[in-house]
Protein backbone atom coordinates (compact mmCIF):
# COMPACT_ATOMS: atom_id res chain seq x y z
CA UNK A 1 23.64 7.70 6.84
CA UNK A 2 25.34 8.20 3.51
CA UNK A 3 24.83 5.75 0.69
CA UNK A 4 27.58 4.64 -1.65
CA UNK A 5 27.47 6.77 -4.79
CA UNK A 6 28.36 4.18 -7.40
CA UNK A 7 25.29 2.09 -8.13
CA UNK A 8 23.79 3.06 -4.78
CA UNK A 9 20.21 3.46 -5.96
CA UNK A 10 20.29 0.17 -7.88
CA UNK A 11 21.97 -1.68 -5.03
CA UNK A 12 19.42 -0.33 -2.54
CA UNK A 13 16.56 -1.44 -4.80
CA UNK A 14 18.16 -4.89 -5.19
CA UNK A 15 18.28 -5.15 -1.40
CA UNK A 16 14.66 -4.06 -1.10
CA UNK A 17 13.55 -6.59 -3.73
CA UNK A 18 15.58 -9.30 -2.03
CA UNK A 19 14.10 -8.38 1.33
CA UNK A 20 10.60 -8.61 -0.13
CA UNK A 21 11.35 -12.09 -1.46
CA UNK A 22 12.80 -13.24 1.87
CA UNK A 23 9.96 -11.69 3.90
CA UNK A 24 7.41 -13.36 1.59
CA UNK A 25 9.13 -16.73 1.94
CA UNK A 26 10.10 -16.67 5.63
CA UNK A 27 7.94 -13.99 7.22
CA UNK A 28 9.25 -10.82 8.83
CA UNK A 29 10.10 -12.33 12.20
CA UNK A 30 12.06 -15.30 10.81
CA UNK A 31 13.83 -13.38 8.04
CA UNK A 32 17.48 -12.60 8.74
CA UNK A 33 19.64 -9.82 7.34
CA UNK A 34 22.23 -12.38 6.23
CA UNK A 35 19.54 -14.13 4.20
CA UNK A 36 18.50 -10.86 2.55
CA UNK A 37 22.13 -10.07 1.70
CA UNK A 38 22.65 -13.56 0.28
CA UNK A 39 19.51 -13.20 -1.86
CA UNK A 40 20.93 -9.89 -3.18
CA UNK A 41 24.38 -11.46 -3.76
CA UNK A 42 26.14 -9.04 -1.42
CA UNK A 43 27.93 -9.31 1.89
CA UNK A 44 25.90 -8.80 5.04
CA UNK A 45 27.88 -5.66 5.79
CA UNK A 46 26.73 -4.18 2.49
CA UNK A 47 23.13 -4.41 3.71
CA UNK A 48 24.07 -2.16 6.64
CA UNK A 49 25.52 0.46 4.29
CA UNK A 50 21.98 1.01 3.03
CA UNK A 51 19.78 0.18 6.02
CA UNK A 52 20.53 0.44 9.74
CA UNK A 53 18.30 -2.57 10.47
CA UNK A 54 15.91 -5.14 9.08
CA UNK A 55 13.09 -2.96 10.42
CA UNK A 56 14.29 0.03 8.39
CA UNK A 57 14.35 -2.08 5.23
CA UNK A 58 10.85 -3.36 5.97
CA UNK A 59 9.56 0.16 6.54
CA UNK A 60 11.11 1.16 3.21
CA UNK A 61 9.06 -1.59 1.58
CA UNK A 62 5.91 -0.21 3.19
CA UNK A 63 6.71 3.31 2.03
CA UNK A 64 7.34 2.13 -1.52
CA UNK A 65 4.04 0.26 -1.64
CA UNK A 66 2.03 3.23 -0.43
CA UNK A 67 3.92 5.66 -2.67
CA UNK A 68 3.00 3.40 -5.58
CA UNK A 69 -0.65 3.34 -4.45
CA UNK A 70 -0.83 7.14 -4.27
CA UNK A 71 0.92 7.54 -7.62
CA UNK A 72 -1.46 5.12 -9.31
CA UNK A 73 -4.49 6.74 -7.71
CA UNK A 74 -3.37 10.17 -8.96
CA UNK A 75 -2.79 8.76 -12.45
CA UNK A 76 -6.14 6.91 -12.55
CA UNK A 77 -8.03 10.07 -11.62
CA UNK A 78 -6.57 12.16 -14.45
CA UNK A 79 -9.04 12.87 -17.18
CA UNK A 80 -12.07 11.45 -15.38
CA UNK A 81 -15.00 13.67 -16.33
CA UNK A 82 -16.82 13.83 -13.00
CA UNK A 83 -16.25 13.41 -9.31
CA UNK A 84 -17.98 10.04 -8.99
CA UNK A 85 -15.83 8.60 -11.77
CA UNK A 86 -12.73 9.99 -10.03
CA UNK A 87 -13.79 8.33 -6.80
CA UNK A 88 -14.43 5.01 -8.51
CA UNK A 89 -11.11 5.26 -10.39
CA UNK A 90 -9.34 5.86 -7.06
CA UNK A 91 -10.90 2.75 -5.52
CA UNK A 92 -10.03 0.69 -8.59
CA UNK A 93 -6.42 1.91 -8.55
CA UNK A 94 -5.95 0.94 -4.90
CA UNK A 95 -7.39 -2.54 -5.40
CA UNK A 96 -5.41 -3.09 -8.61
CA UNK A 97 -2.12 -1.95 -7.07
CA UNK A 98 -2.50 -4.36 -4.18
CA UNK A 99 -3.28 -7.13 -6.67
CA UNK A 100 -0.28 -6.26 -8.86
CA UNK A 101 1.96 -6.20 -5.78
CA UNK A 102 0.35 -9.23 -4.12
CA UNK A 103 3.49 -10.51 -2.35
CA UNK A 104 4.32 -7.08 -1.01
CA UNK A 105 0.69 -6.55 0.01
CA UNK A 106 0.75 -9.84 1.90
CA UNK A 107 3.95 -8.83 3.67
CA UNK A 108 2.56 -5.44 4.67
CA UNK A 109 -1.04 -6.38 5.47
CA UNK A 110 -0.64 -9.89 6.88
CA UNK A 111 2.82 -9.95 8.44
CA UNK A 112 3.85 -6.43 9.26
CA UNK A 113 0.94 -4.92 11.10
CA UNK A 114 1.80 -6.44 14.47
CA UNK A 115 5.52 -6.97 13.99
CA UNK A 116 6.94 -3.49 14.18
CA UNK A 117 6.40 -0.61 16.58
CA UNK A 118 6.53 1.94 13.75
CA UNK A 119 4.32 -0.07 11.39
CA UNK A 120 0.98 1.17 12.74
CA UNK A 121 2.19 4.76 12.55
CA UNK A 122 3.47 4.37 8.97
CA UNK A 123 0.29 2.65 7.82
CA UNK A 124 -1.84 5.31 9.48
CA UNK A 125 0.13 8.09 7.78
CA UNK A 126 -0.18 6.43 4.37
CA UNK A 127 -3.89 5.85 4.87
CA UNK A 128 -4.39 9.43 6.09
CA UNK A 129 -2.81 10.73 2.88
CA UNK A 130 -5.15 8.62 0.77
CA UNK A 131 -8.11 9.54 2.98
CA UNK A 132 -7.41 13.26 2.50
CA UNK A 133 -7.65 12.81 -1.26
CA UNK A 134 -10.85 10.77 -1.01
CA UNK A 135 -12.38 13.20 1.49
CA UNK A 136 -11.98 16.04 -1.02
CA UNK A 137 -13.88 13.98 -3.59
CA UNK A 138 -16.59 13.05 -1.12
CA UNK A 139 -17.08 16.67 -0.04
CA UNK A 140 -17.23 17.81 -3.66
CA UNK A 141 -19.76 15.07 -4.49
CA UNK A 142 -21.84 16.01 -1.46
CA UNK A 143 -21.71 19.73 -2.30
CA UNK A 144 -22.86 18.90 -5.84
CA UNK A 145 -25.79 16.86 -4.50
CA UNK A 146 -24.41 13.60 -5.91
CA UNK A 147 -24.06 12.04 -2.46
CA UNK A 148 -25.73 12.57 0.87
CA UNK A 149 -24.02 14.99 3.20
CA UNK A 150 -21.88 13.80 6.08
CA UNK A 151 -18.40 13.85 7.53
CA UNK A 152 -16.22 13.44 4.41
CA UNK A 153 -13.11 12.54 6.41
CA UNK A 154 -14.93 9.81 8.34
CA UNK A 155 -16.41 8.42 5.14
CA UNK A 156 -13.02 8.42 3.46
CA UNK A 157 -11.54 6.43 6.36
CA UNK A 158 -14.49 4.02 6.19
CA UNK A 159 -13.80 3.47 2.48
CA UNK A 160 -10.14 2.75 3.21
CA UNK A 161 -11.05 0.40 6.06
CA UNK A 162 -13.47 -1.49 3.83
CA UNK A 163 -10.86 -1.78 1.09
CA UNK A 164 -8.27 -3.02 3.61
CA UNK A 165 -10.69 -5.68 4.83
CA UNK A 166 -11.49 -6.74 1.26
CA UNK A 167 -7.76 -7.03 0.51
CA UNK A 168 -7.15 -9.04 3.67
CA UNK A 169 -10.05 -11.33 2.80
CA UNK A 170 -8.59 -11.91 -0.65
CA UNK A 171 -5.06 -12.52 0.65
CA UNK A 172 -6.16 -14.96 3.35
CA UNK A 173 -8.31 -16.93 0.95
CA UNK A 174 -5.90 -16.56 -1.98
CA UNK A 175 -8.88 -15.57 -4.13
CA UNK A 176 -8.70 -14.09 -7.58
CA UNK A 177 -9.64 -10.43 -7.59
CA UNK A 178 -11.63 -9.69 -10.74
CA UNK A 179 -15.17 -10.38 -9.51
CA UNK A 180 -14.34 -9.28 -5.98
CA UNK A 181 -12.96 -5.92 -7.06
CA UNK A 182 -16.14 -5.16 -9.00
CA UNK A 183 -18.22 -6.13 -5.98
CA UNK A 184 -16.09 -4.02 -3.63
CA UNK A 185 -16.38 -0.99 -5.94
CA UNK A 186 -20.13 -1.43 -6.28
CA UNK A 187 -20.59 -1.87 -2.53
CA UNK A 188 -18.53 1.20 -1.67
CA UNK A 189 -20.10 3.47 -4.26
CA UNK A 190 -23.59 2.39 -3.16
CA UNK A 191 -22.71 2.89 0.53
CA UNK A 192 -21.42 6.39 -0.13
CA UNK A 193 -24.56 7.62 -1.84
């Protein structure tokens, strides 16, 4: 599908932001395309110039969140002097990104997981990309004798699963993250050694 050239990127982002607001307020199932278009101050037909469906828009939100997570993880790791600090910086970046994007995190983690057929696949792909990065760190730490040996890929997926559960816990309870993030980091780093 082609996108209108003039202001297309900005318009698409306006629609995505509007969709996030509507999904946060109404939930994925109850949100309507007309409502998203109204929030973005465009006609409903304009929505369909950018997205073939509400599902496609939602999946774009998911992709943007996980792209942001991976970008922030990569940035946080730069300049860290050793592998354990890189690993801890990665964990911190994931937790902080989900806190910074709390509404979007709630949409993705609380509403989306059972709503869409493609959601599980998209989440799995995003988590696999993050796990691959973490697995490299875990293997390097193990090879250097900084951590016990084991299946680095499995451990990376366990770290991601634990972080997901911590984020869900926080979102369901509407807790503030500061103390929890430190506890999650400490727990994970201790468990990996």
